[in-house]
Amino acid sequence: MSDGKEHDSGSVEPGDTSKRVGMEVIRERGVDPEELREKLVDAIGAEFTTYYYYTNLRMHLAGEEDYKEITEDARLEDRAHFELVVPRVYELEGSLPNDIREFADRASCPDAEVPTPMDDDGGFDTEDLEVEDILEVLLEAERCAIRTWSEICDMTRGADPRTYDMAQRILNEEIDHEAWFIELLSKERDDEINPAGHFARGEPGDAPYSTNNRFNDSA
């Protein structure tokens, strides 16, 4: 049996399952893993609630099939972001809130609600609802996501390569989403051509940066 290898021991005692080397190494590099973990819960809370709210927003882009397709890409990719990061929360000795209401309240971004009140029958009052209003909600939701994941990238760069890799992959897609909605809103509201520089995904919600190899068709 060989002895004295450079990385054969550290601050976690052999056989100790109460601590994780994966947390201690990033702590040694200056990142508080508990603080990071809670920021990740807040960030994926926003991704999860955005997936829900984008369902409503997409539904109300009635007659705008091209807009609905782009919104569906962003919606499904936000779900992919949630799925990507959930295991990292548990690796950092965290968990998701048991109460979904608490989870939604913790989300790092505001609710991306349909920008019109509910009517007395429990539906939406769509009389004055304009496509541009929905596009603006979508745009601002993406901008909040960019700020959120940029903060996490800054926090983990050079110290936590695993979380940084996830965050920068998500950030790439959120920047795509912002560009899409700038293009659509510019044309719809201002009749200006403001190209995104790229088109919709090959398949809905393709998530080219953030989707890992799928274990099965439900992933």
Protein backbone atom coordinates (compact mmCIF):
# COMPACT_ATOMS: atom_id res chain seq x y z
CA MET A 1 0.00 0.00 0.00
CA SER A 2 1.49 3.34 -1.02
CA ASP A 3 1.67 6.25 1.42
CA GLY A 4 2.22 9.97 1.14
CA LYS A 5 0.32 10.75 -2.02
CA GLU A 6 -0.36 14.45 -2.46
CA HIS A 7 -4.14 14.26 -2.33
CA ASP A 8 -4.71 11.12 -0.27
CA SER A 9 -5.98 13.09 2.74
CA GLY A 10 -7.21 16.50 3.76
CA SER A 11 -9.55 18.24 6.17
CA VAL A 12 -12.15 15.46 5.99
CA GLU A 13 -11.22 12.36 7.96
CA PRO A 14 -11.27 9.01 6.11
CA GLY A 15 -14.68 7.38 6.32
CA ASP A 16 -16.40 10.53 7.61
CA THR A 17 -19.77 10.83 5.85
CA SER A 18 -20.83 13.96 7.76
CA LYS A 19 -18.68 16.20 5.55
CA ARG A 20 -18.01 16.48 1.83
CA VAL A 21 -14.63 17.08 0.26
CA GLY A 22 -16.49 18.67 -2.65
CA MET A 23 -17.64 21.42 -0.27
CA GLU A 24 -14.41 21.80 1.64
CA VAL A 25 -12.28 22.36 -1.45
CA ILE A 26 -14.41 25.27 -2.63
CA ARG A 27 -14.47 26.70 0.91
CA GLU A 28 -10.66 26.60 0.86
CA ARG A 29 -10.79 28.59 -2.38
CA GLY A 30 -12.86 31.34 -0.82
CA VAL A 31 -16.46 30.39 -1.65
CA ASP A 32 -18.94 29.84 1.18
CA PRO A 33 -20.71 26.66 -0.01
CA GLU A 34 -23.74 27.26 2.22
CA GLU A 35 -24.26 30.76 0.82
CA LEU A 36 -23.78 29.45 -2.72
CA ARG A 37 -26.24 26.63 -2.11
CA GLU A 38 -28.96 29.05 -1.02
CA LYS A 39 -28.34 31.29 -4.02
CA LEU A 40 -28.74 28.25 -6.26
CA VAL A 41 -32.06 27.38 -4.63
CA ASP A 42 -33.27 30.93 -5.26
CA ALA A 43 -32.01 30.85 -8.84
CA ILE A 44 -33.65 27.57 -9.77
CA GLY A 45 -36.80 28.73 -7.99
CA ALA A 46 -36.91 31.47 -10.62
CA GLU A 47 -36.30 28.95 -13.42
CA PHE A 48 -39.09 26.69 -12.15
CA THR A 49 -41.65 29.48 -11.71
CA THR A 50 -40.69 30.98 -15.07
CA TYR A 51 -41.41 27.63 -16.70
CA TYR A 52 -44.89 27.85 -15.18
CA TYR A 53 -45.53 31.50 -16.05
CA TYR A 54 -44.22 31.12 -19.59
CA THR A 55 -46.90 28.47 -20.13
CA ASN A 56 -49.56 31.12 -19.54
CA LEU A 57 -47.72 33.74 -21.57
CA ARG A 58 -47.31 31.39 -24.52
CA MET A 59 -51.00 30.49 -24.43
CA HIS A 60 -51.94 34.14 -24.71
CA LEU A 61 -49.82 34.83 -27.79
CA ALA A 62 -52.91 33.79 -29.72
CA GLY A 63 -52.44 33.77 -33.48
CA GLU A 64 -48.71 34.50 -33.20
CA GLU A 65 -47.33 31.05 -33.94
CA ASP A 66 -43.75 32.23 -34.50
CA TYR A 67 -43.77 34.07 -31.16
CA LYS A 68 -45.26 31.03 -29.45
CA GLU A 69 -42.49 28.82 -30.86
CA ILE A 70 -39.75 31.07 -29.48
CA THR A 71 -41.50 31.32 -26.12
CA GLU A 72 -41.80 27.53 -26.00
CA ASP A 73 -38.05 27.19 -26.56
CA ALA A 74 -37.35 29.54 -23.66
CA ARG A 75 -39.97 27.86 -21.47
CA LEU A 76 -38.58 24.35 -21.92
CA GLU A 77 -35.01 25.53 -21.54
CA ASP A 78 -35.87 27.12 -18.20
CA ARG A 79 -37.09 23.71 -17.08
CA ALA A 80 -33.77 22.25 -18.29
CA HIS A 81 -31.93 24.81 -16.16
CA PHE A 82 -33.88 23.73 -13.10
CA GLU A 83 -33.15 20.07 -13.79
CA LEU A 84 -29.45 20.74 -14.38
CA VAL A 85 -28.83 22.49 -11.07
CA VAL A 86 -31.06 20.53 -8.66
CA PRO A 87 -28.41 17.80 -8.11
CA ARG A 88 -25.82 20.47 -7.31
CA VAL A 89 -28.02 21.77 -4.49
CA TYR A 90 -28.00 18.32 -2.93
CA GLU A 91 -24.26 17.90 -3.48
CA LEU A 92 -23.86 21.04 -1.38
CA GLU A 93 -25.94 19.43 1.42
CA GLY A 94 -29.07 21.35 0.56
CA SER A 95 -32.56 20.44 -0.52
CA LEU A 96 -35.57 21.93 -2.22
CA PRO A 97 -38.24 23.46 0.03
CA ASN A 98 -40.98 20.97 0.84
CA ASP A 99 -43.59 23.69 0.30
CA ILE A 100 -43.79 24.83 -3.32
CA ARG A 101 -45.18 28.18 -2.15
CA GLU A 102 -42.00 28.80 -0.18
CA PHE A 103 -39.97 27.78 -3.22
CA ALA A 104 -41.82 30.28 -5.42
CA ASP A 105 -41.45 33.02 -2.82
CA ARG A 106 -37.69 32.44 -2.74
CA ALA A 107 -37.31 32.79 -6.50
CA SER A 108 -34.62 35.31 -7.40
CA CYS A 109 -36.80 36.99 -10.05
CA PRO A 110 -40.30 38.50 -10.03
CA ASP A 111 -43.27 36.49 -11.23
CA ALA A 112 -43.63 36.67 -15.02
CA GLU A 113 -47.39 36.97 -14.93
CA VAL A 114 -49.72 37.61 -17.85
CA PRO A 115 -49.93 41.42 -17.80
CA THR A 116 -53.69 41.68 -17.43
CA PRO A 117 -56.07 41.18 -14.48
CA MET A 118 -58.28 38.17 -13.97
CA ASP A 119 -61.97 38.68 -14.70
CA ASP A 120 -64.91 37.75 -12.46
CA ASP A 121 -65.22 34.32 -14.07
CA GLY A 122 -61.65 33.33 -13.19
CA GLY A 123 -60.24 33.89 -16.68
CA PHE A 124 -58.03 36.62 -18.02
CA ASP A 125 -59.40 39.97 -19.09
CA THR A 126 -57.83 40.05 -22.55
CA GLU A 127 -59.73 42.99 -24.00
CA ASP A 128 -56.75 45.33 -23.74
CA LEU A 129 -53.98 42.72 -23.78
CA GLU A 130 -51.42 43.43 -26.49
CA VAL A 131 -48.75 41.12 -27.85
CA GLU A 132 -46.08 43.69 -27.06
CA ASP A 133 -47.08 43.62 -23.39
CA ILE A 134 -46.43 39.88 -23.22
CA LEU A 135 -43.12 40.23 -25.07
CA GLU A 136 -41.98 42.86 -22.60
CA VAL A 137 -42.71 40.55 -19.66
CA LEU A 138 -40.72 37.80 -21.39
CA LEU A 139 -37.82 40.14 -22.08
CA GLU A 140 -37.56 41.41 -18.52
CA ALA A 141 -37.73 37.88 -17.13
CA GLU A 142 -34.73 36.92 -19.26
CA ARG A 143 -32.82 39.98 -18.13
CA CYS A 144 -33.36 39.05 -14.50
CA ALA A 145 -32.08 35.55 -15.25
CA ILE A 146 -28.96 36.96 -16.90
CA ARG A 147 -28.22 39.05 -13.81
CA THR A 148 -28.83 36.06 -11.53
CA TRP A 149 -26.54 33.62 -13.34
CA SER A 150 -23.89 36.27 -13.95
CA GLU A 151 -23.69 36.76 -10.19
CA ILE A 152 -23.25 33.02 -9.66
CA CYS A 153 -20.58 32.89 -12.38
CA ASP A 154 -18.72 35.73 -10.65
CA MET A 155 -19.04 33.99 -7.30
CA THR A 156 -17.68 30.64 -8.50
CA ARG A 157 -15.15 31.57 -11.20
CA GLY A 158 -11.77 30.04 -10.37
CA ALA A 159 -13.06 28.47 -7.15
CA ASP A 160 -15.90 26.07 -7.95
CA PRO A 161 -15.52 24.76 -11.50
CA ARG A 162 -18.54 22.45 -11.26
CA THR A 163 -21.06 25.15 -10.36
CA TYR A 164 -19.36 27.66 -12.66
CA ASP A 165 -19.73 25.26 -15.58
CA MET A 166 -23.45 24.89 -14.94
CA ALA A 167 -24.01 28.61 -14.43
CA GLN A 168 -22.16 29.71 -17.56
CA ARG A 169 -24.00 27.14 -19.67
CA ILE A 170 -27.33 28.45 -18.42
CA LEU A 171 -26.15 32.04 -18.91
CA ASN A 172 -25.39 31.31 -22.57
CA GLU A 173 -29.00 30.30 -23.13
CA GLU A 174 -30.47 33.18 -21.15
CA ILE A 175 -28.51 35.60 -23.34
CA ASP A 176 -29.95 33.84 -26.40
CA HIS A 177 -33.44 34.29 -24.95
CA GLU A 178 -32.93 38.00 -24.33
CA ALA A 179 -31.76 38.48 -27.92
CA TRP A 180 -34.85 36.66 -29.23
CA PHE A 181 -37.28 38.81 -27.28
CA ILE A 182 -35.46 42.05 -28.10
CA GLU A 183 -35.85 41.19 -31.79
CA LEU A 184 -39.55 40.34 -31.44
CA LEU A 185 -40.45 43.29 -29.23
CA SER A 186 -38.52 45.77 -31.38
CA LYS A 187 -40.46 44.71 -34.46
CA GLU A 188 -43.85 44.33 -32.77
CA ARG A 189 -43.81 47.55 -30.73
CA ASP A 190 -41.45 49.87 -32.57
CA ASP A 191 -41.44 48.44 -36.11
CA GLU A 192 -37.66 48.31 -35.91
CA ILE A 193 -35.39 45.54 -37.15
CA ASN A 194 -33.11 44.52 -34.30
CA PRO A 195 -31.78 41.06 -35.23
CA ALA A 196 -31.10 38.43 -32.61
CA GLY A 197 -28.43 36.90 -34.82
CA HIS A 198 -29.81 33.39 -34.57
CA PHE A 199 -33.04 31.44 -35.01
CA ALA A 200 -35.19 29.13 -32.93
CA ARG A 201 -33.81 25.77 -31.79
CA GLY A 202 -33.89 22.75 -34.05
CA GLU A 203 -36.30 21.06 -31.65
CA PRO A 204 -38.45 22.82 -29.02
CA GLY A 205 -36.46 23.36 -25.86
CA ASP A 206 -33.31 21.86 -27.32
CA ALA A 207 -31.17 23.58 -24.64
CA PRO A 208 -27.89 23.14 -26.54
CA TYR A 209 -25.74 24.34 -23.65
CA SER A 210 -27.54 23.19 -20.52
CA THR A 211 -29.02 19.78 -21.31
CA ASN A 212 -26.86 16.87 -20.24
CA ASN A 213 -27.00 13.54 -22.01
CA ARG A 214 -30.50 12.26 -21.27
CA PHE A 215 -30.89 9.10 -19.23
CA ASN A 216 -34.32 8.56 -20.77
CA ASP A 217 -36.91 10.39 -22.85
CA SER A 218 -38.43 12.07 -19.78
CA ALA A 219 -35.22 13.92 -18.86
